[in-house]
Amino acid sequence: MIIRPEAAEDAETLFALTQRAFSQMPYSDGSEGRILNDLRSDGDLTLSLVAEDGGTIVGHVAFSPVRINGEDCGWFGLGPISVAPERQREGIGRKLVDAGLSILEQRGASGCALIGDPALYSKLGFRCNKRLTYGEVPPEVVQFKTLSGQDPEGQLTFAPAFDPKP
């Protein structure tokens, strides 16, 4: 398996993979594929990596800029992250996240934030801090990983692609 940057011709495959990966998740509203496409079309897809095995894309992770207290401070949001349902629990997601965080760190990023299950993301070094918030989202699912500098505090804002659409 190789991890590589997304190529332009991957867009349709990644949309389908993302929709399929989230289709059985009880918390999904089915918008994850649209979010990915909107990040790309809005120019907010800072880093997009795919996991390819035998010529087939089996996983994907996206990173986009986030603001803290309205400021661009070198932080990025993780997501969507997708692994083909039949390939989940093989460590593909972990490899994608580790590769992405390594690249962001090399580029001088301060850290990465996400909204997700603490039991899952704590295994990847993410943690919560009740001083970092995201709207009405319960603080225990607002996760972050500091790459350099201090832990973040304040209101987190993700790229507009994450905003609910009517």
Protein backbone atom coordinates (compact mmCIF):
# COMPACT_ATOMS: atom_id res chain seq x y z
CA MET A 1 0.00 0.00 0.00
CA ILE A 2 1.21 3.48 -0.83
CA ILE A 3 0.12 6.85 0.48
CA ARG A 4 0.25 9.63 -2.08
CA PRO A 5 -1.19 13.08 -2.71
CA GLU A 6 -4.60 13.26 -4.34
CA ALA A 7 -4.47 13.64 -8.13
CA ALA A 8 -7.08 15.57 -10.14
CA GLU A 9 -8.42 12.36 -11.65
CA ASP A 10 -9.14 10.96 -8.15
CA ALA A 11 -12.00 13.38 -7.38
CA GLU A 12 -14.94 11.18 -8.45
CA THR A 13 -13.46 8.09 -6.81
CA LEU A 14 -12.88 9.99 -3.57
CA PHE A 15 -16.44 11.32 -3.53
CA ALA A 16 -17.80 7.77 -3.94
CA LEU A 17 -15.40 6.35 -1.35
CA THR A 18 -16.34 9.06 1.16
CA GLN A 19 -20.07 8.51 0.68
CA ARG A 20 -19.66 4.75 0.99
CA ALA A 21 -17.45 4.97 4.08
CA PHE A 22 -19.94 7.19 5.91
CA SER A 23 -23.13 5.51 4.67
CA GLN A 24 -23.36 3.18 7.67
CA MET A 25 -22.30 5.69 10.32
CA PRO A 26 -25.24 6.63 12.58
CA TYR A 27 -23.95 10.19 13.07
CA SER A 28 -23.57 10.90 9.33
CA ASP A 29 -26.02 13.14 7.53
CA GLY A 30 -24.65 12.09 4.13
CA SER A 31 -22.88 15.40 3.52
CA GLU A 32 -19.28 14.21 3.76
CA GLY A 33 -18.75 13.77 0.01
CA ARG A 34 -20.16 17.24 -0.62
CA ILE A 35 -17.89 18.67 2.09
CA LEU A 36 -14.86 17.14 0.37
CA ASN A 37 -15.89 18.49 -3.04
CA ASP A 38 -16.63 21.93 -1.56
CA LEU A 39 -13.24 22.03 0.18
CA ARG A 40 -11.62 21.30 -3.17
CA SER A 41 -13.68 23.82 -5.20
CA ASP A 42 -13.30 26.54 -2.52
CA GLY A 43 -9.51 26.17 -2.52
CA ASP A 44 -9.53 25.04 1.12
CA LEU A 45 -8.12 21.55 0.59
CA THR A 46 -4.67 22.20 2.06
CA LEU A 47 -3.60 18.57 2.01
CA SER A 48 -5.38 15.56 0.53
CA LEU A 49 -3.81 12.11 0.74
CA VAL A 50 -4.99 8.79 -0.62
CA ALA A 51 -4.09 5.24 0.36
CA GLU A 52 -3.77 3.07 -2.72
CA ASP A 53 -3.43 -0.70 -2.68
CA GLY A 54 -2.90 -2.62 -5.90
CA GLY A 55 -4.04 0.36 -7.96
CA THR A 56 -7.27 0.79 -5.97
CA ILE A 57 -7.90 3.74 -3.67
CA VAL A 58 -8.89 2.32 -0.29
CA GLY A 59 -8.60 5.39 1.93
CA HIS A 60 -8.44 9.17 1.98
CA VAL A 61 -7.83 12.02 4.41
CA ALA A 62 -8.35 15.76 3.96
CA PHE A 63 -6.87 18.68 5.89
CA SER A 64 -8.13 22.26 5.62
CA PRO A 65 -7.39 25.53 7.43
CA VAL A 66 -9.22 26.37 10.65
CA ARG A 67 -9.39 29.61 12.59
CA ILE A 68 -9.25 30.04 16.32
CA ASN A 69 -11.03 33.12 17.64
CA GLY A 70 -11.29 34.29 14.03
CA GLU A 71 -7.52 34.22 13.53
CA ASP A 72 -5.48 32.17 11.10
CA CYS A 73 -2.87 30.73 13.44
CA GLY A 74 -1.42 27.82 11.47
CA TRP A 75 -3.98 25.25 12.57
CA PHE A 76 -5.71 22.76 10.31
CA GLY A 77 -8.84 20.65 10.49
CA LEU A 78 -8.76 16.92 9.84
CA GLY A 79 -11.63 15.53 7.83
CA PRO A 80 -13.32 14.01 6.16
CA ILE A 81 -11.32 10.82 6.57
CA SER A 82 -12.62 7.75 4.76
CA VAL A 83 -11.62 4.12 4.48
CA ALA A 84 -13.43 1.61 2.28
CA PRO A 85 -15.82 -0.32 4.56
CA GLU A 86 -14.29 -3.68 3.65
CA ARG A 87 -10.81 -2.34 4.57
CA GLN A 88 -11.65 -0.68 7.88
CA ARG A 89 -9.83 -1.80 11.03
CA GLU A 90 -6.62 -2.49 9.08
CA GLY A 91 -4.79 0.67 10.23
CA ILE A 92 -5.25 2.53 6.94
CA GLY A 93 -6.82 5.55 8.63
CA ARG A 94 -4.00 5.73 11.16
CA LYS A 95 -1.39 5.64 8.38
CA LEU A 96 -3.19 8.42 6.51
CA VAL A 97 -3.47 10.61 9.61
CA ASP A 98 0.16 10.02 10.61
CA ALA A 99 1.38 10.85 7.10
CA GLY A 100 -0.76 13.98 6.94
CA LEU A 101 0.32 15.26 10.35
CA SER A 102 3.96 14.64 9.45
CA ILE A 103 3.60 16.71 6.26
CA LEU A 104 1.77 19.50 8.10
CA GLU A 105 4.48 19.56 10.76
CA GLN A 106 7.19 19.78 8.08
CA ARG A 107 5.30 22.73 6.59
CA GLY A 108 5.34 24.52 9.95
CA ALA A 109 1.76 23.92 11.07
CA SER A 110 0.94 24.66 14.71
CA GLY A 111 -1.56 21.85 15.05
CA CYS A 112 -4.62 19.99 13.92
CA ALA A 113 -8.20 19.88 15.22
CA LEU A 114 -11.22 17.69 14.52
CA ILE A 115 -14.65 16.77 15.74
CA GLY A 116 -14.66 13.08 16.56
CA ASP A 117 -14.80 10.18 18.96
CA PRO A 118 -12.23 10.67 21.75
CA ALA A 119 -11.78 6.91 22.14
CA LEU A 120 -10.67 6.66 18.52
CA TYR A 121 -8.63 9.82 18.11
CA SER A 122 -6.85 9.66 21.47
CA LYS A 123 -5.01 6.65 20.03
CA LEU A 124 -3.59 9.04 17.42
CA GLY A 125 -2.44 11.58 20.00
CA PHE A 126 -5.49 13.86 19.91
CA ARG A 127 -7.05 15.15 23.11
CA CYS A 128 -9.73 17.54 24.24
CA ASN A 129 -9.46 20.79 26.15
CA LYS A 130 -12.68 22.39 27.30
CA ARG A 131 -11.14 25.79 26.45
CA LEU A 132 -11.29 24.93 22.73
CA THR A 133 -14.91 25.01 21.57
CA TYR A 134 -16.93 24.60 18.39
CA GLY A 135 -20.41 26.08 18.63
CA GLU A 136 -22.84 23.86 20.50
CA VAL A 137 -20.78 20.71 19.93
CA PRO A 138 -20.03 18.85 23.18
CA PRO A 139 -16.48 19.80 24.25
CA GLU A 140 -15.38 16.20 24.70
CA VAL A 141 -15.57 15.58 20.94
CA VAL A 142 -13.59 18.73 20.01
CA GLN A 143 -10.18 17.10 19.64
CA PHE A 144 -6.78 18.63 18.87
CA LYS A 145 -3.12 17.75 18.52
CA THR A 146 -0.50 20.45 18.99
CA LEU A 147 2.44 20.17 16.59
CA SER A 148 4.31 23.29 17.78
CA GLY A 149 3.68 26.08 20.24
CA GLN A 150 0.93 26.22 22.83
CA ASP A 151 -2.34 24.35 23.07
CA PRO A 152 -5.20 26.28 21.47
CA GLU A 153 -7.93 28.09 23.39
CA GLY A 154 -11.06 29.73 22.07
CA GLN A 155 -13.70 29.28 19.39
CA LEU A 156 -12.80 26.97 16.51
CA THR A 157 -14.06 27.75 13.00
CA PHE A 158 -13.77 25.20 10.20
CA ALA A 159 -13.74 26.02 6.48
CA PRO A 160 -17.11 27.13 5.02
CA ALA A 161 -17.53 23.71 3.34
CA PHE A 162 -18.41 22.32 6.78
CA ASP A 163 -21.30 24.75 7.26
CA PRO A 164 -24.72 23.07 7.02
CA LYS A 165 -26.40 23.49 3.64
CA PRO A 166 -30.19 23.85 3.23
